[in-house]
Structure formats: structure tokens, C-alpha cells
């Protein structure tokens, strides 16, 4: 049968979280779009923000414009810009305010899509 764009089923991928005991991060995939959902995240260090990265096999992580801060209760949602097609991992690090062109901070979460 023919496949049409947007017919891919929705799925949720749990991310592996480091350095944040009790925190959970998941990636909700709907078609070619992704959205990060987090619970129990600590605030990043002062002067820093969480940044989302996209990793393709054999390539360095690519920065996105998705920067976020959790609310007081540790909840956060971030839309992942661009398509999830060809992405092997979605990662979150803490970076200086405004983000970075390459990861410099601690790796907080990795959602493995491969």
C-alpha cells in the first residue's frame, strides 16, 4: 500500500537521564515532529539554560533553537524544531544563556531513536 506523509503512528521514547535523580524525560513523536516532555528536572546552573541537540549517525550533534527552563515543579515541554527523519538521538545539555553552537555542558538526557 501507499504511505502518505503524517501517517506514521505516534510513539513515546523514554530518554536516559543523567545527574538528575527522580527526573524523567520523554520524547513524543508524531509523524515527523518531536516534543520533549520532562518532569522533576532541576533548574540548570545559574546563567545557563537547557538546549536540545539532534544527532545523526556519524555526525556531531547539531544545535537547535530549542532552549528551555523547567518550571518550579521541574516540568518542562520543548518542541523539537525540524523533522525527526534521519535523527538517531535527541539530546539535552545545559548551556550558557542563549545556547551554544556545540555542546559544552553536562549531558542531561538522551532519547535513542535508532
Protein backbone atom coordinates (compact mmCIF):
# COMPACT_ATOMS: atom_id res chain seq x y z
CA UNK A 1 0.00 0.00 0.00
CA UNK A 2 0.98 3.61 -0.47
CA UNK A 3 2.22 5.57 2.51
CA UNK A 4 1.26 9.20 2.96
CA UNK A 5 3.06 11.86 4.97
CA UNK A 6 1.82 12.10 8.53
CA UNK A 7 0.59 8.51 8.61
CA UNK A 8 3.37 7.39 10.95
CA UNK A 9 1.97 6.28 14.31
CA UNK A 10 2.60 8.35 17.40
CA UNK A 11 5.11 6.93 19.85
CA UNK A 12 6.88 7.96 23.01
CA UNK A 13 10.57 7.27 23.63
CA UNK A 14 11.89 7.42 27.20
CA UNK A 15 15.19 9.25 27.49
CA UNK A 16 18.08 8.15 29.67
CA UNK A 17 18.57 10.90 32.27
CA UNK A 18 21.92 11.60 33.98
CA UNK A 19 22.66 13.65 37.08
CA UNK A 20 19.03 14.40 37.95
CA UNK A 21 17.74 11.71 40.34
CA UNK A 22 14.00 11.18 40.00
CA UNK A 23 13.71 13.23 36.80
CA UNK A 24 12.05 11.77 33.72
CA UNK A 25 12.36 12.96 30.13
CA UNK A 26 10.45 11.52 27.20
CA UNK A 27 10.24 12.36 23.52
CA UNK A 28 6.79 12.27 21.96
CA UNK A 29 6.95 11.61 18.23
CA UNK A 30 4.01 12.40 15.98
CA UNK A 31 4.70 11.91 12.29
CA UNK A 32 7.97 13.72 11.67
CA UNK A 33 7.66 16.07 14.66
CA UNK A 34 9.00 15.69 18.17
CA UNK A 35 8.27 17.22 21.55
CA UNK A 36 10.26 16.75 24.76
CA UNK A 37 8.30 16.33 27.99
CA UNK A 38 10.15 16.48 31.31
CA UNK A 39 9.16 16.03 34.94
CA UNK A 40 11.23 16.59 38.07
CA UNK A 41 14.08 18.46 36.34
CA UNK A 42 16.32 20.61 38.49
CA UNK A 43 16.97 24.17 37.33
CA UNK A 44 20.17 24.41 35.29
CA UNK A 45 23.11 26.17 36.93
CA UNK A 46 22.86 29.97 37.22
CA UNK A 47 23.40 31.69 33.85
CA UNK A 48 22.64 28.50 31.92
CA UNK A 49 19.68 27.04 30.06
CA UNK A 50 18.79 23.59 28.72
CA UNK A 51 19.39 23.14 24.96
CA UNK A 52 18.10 20.42 22.62
CA UNK A 53 20.51 18.74 20.15
CA UNK A 54 19.89 16.42 17.20
CA UNK A 55 22.34 13.61 16.43
CA UNK A 56 22.60 11.77 13.13
CA UNK A 57 24.72 8.63 12.80
CA UNK A 58 28.34 9.52 12.09
CA UNK A 59 27.85 13.28 12.65
CA UNK A 60 28.45 15.66 15.53
CA UNK A 61 25.36 16.79 17.47
CA UNK A 62 23.54 19.66 15.72
CA UNK A 63 22.31 22.56 17.86
CA UNK A 64 18.66 23.59 17.77
CA UNK A 65 16.98 26.82 18.79
CA UNK A 66 15.03 24.83 21.40
CA UNK A 67 16.12 26.32 24.72
CA UNK A 68 14.09 25.78 27.87
CA UNK A 69 13.91 26.16 31.63
CA UNK A 70 11.81 23.90 33.86
CA UNK A 71 9.06 25.42 35.98
CA UNK A 72 9.40 25.47 39.77
CA UNK A 73 7.96 21.94 39.97
CA UNK A 74 10.51 20.65 37.42
CA UNK A 75 8.09 20.34 34.50
CA UNK A 76 9.14 21.40 31.01
CA UNK A 77 7.99 20.99 27.43
CA UNK A 78 10.07 21.81 24.36
CA UNK A 79 9.10 21.44 20.72
CA UNK A 80 11.97 19.94 18.74
CA UNK A 81 12.43 22.06 15.61
CA UNK A 82 12.73 20.43 12.21
CA UNK A 83 11.95 16.90 11.15
CA UNK A 84 12.82 13.79 13.13
CA UNK A 85 13.55 11.94 9.89
CA UNK A 86 17.11 10.57 9.96
CA UNK A 87 17.67 11.54 13.61
CA UNK A 88 19.25 8.83 15.78
CA UNK A 89 19.30 10.68 19.10
CA UNK A 90 17.76 13.75 20.69
CA UNK A 91 19.93 15.09 23.49
CA UNK A 92 19.65 17.78 26.17
CA UNK A 93 22.58 19.61 27.75
CA UNK A 94 22.92 22.67 29.96
CA UNK A 95 24.47 25.54 28.01
CA UNK A 96 25.18 29.25 28.55
CA UNK A 97 22.12 31.52 28.26
CA UNK A 98 21.34 31.87 24.55
CA UNK A 99 22.64 28.39 23.70
CA UNK A 100 25.85 27.13 22.10
CA UNK A 101 26.93 26.07 18.59
CA UNK A 102 28.38 22.84 20.06
CA UNK A 103 27.69 21.00 23.31
CA UNK A 104 29.74 22.40 26.21
CA UNK A 105 27.66 21.48 29.24
CA UNK A 106 26.66 18.34 31.07
CA UNK A 107 24.60 15.80 29.16
CA UNK A 108 21.25 15.67 30.93
CA UNK A 109 19.16 13.38 28.72
CA UNK A 110 19.43 11.19 25.61
CA UNK A 111 16.46 9.74 23.72
CA UNK A 112 17.69 6.97 21.39
CA UNK A 113 15.53 6.73 18.25
CA UNK A 114 17.57 4.11 16.37
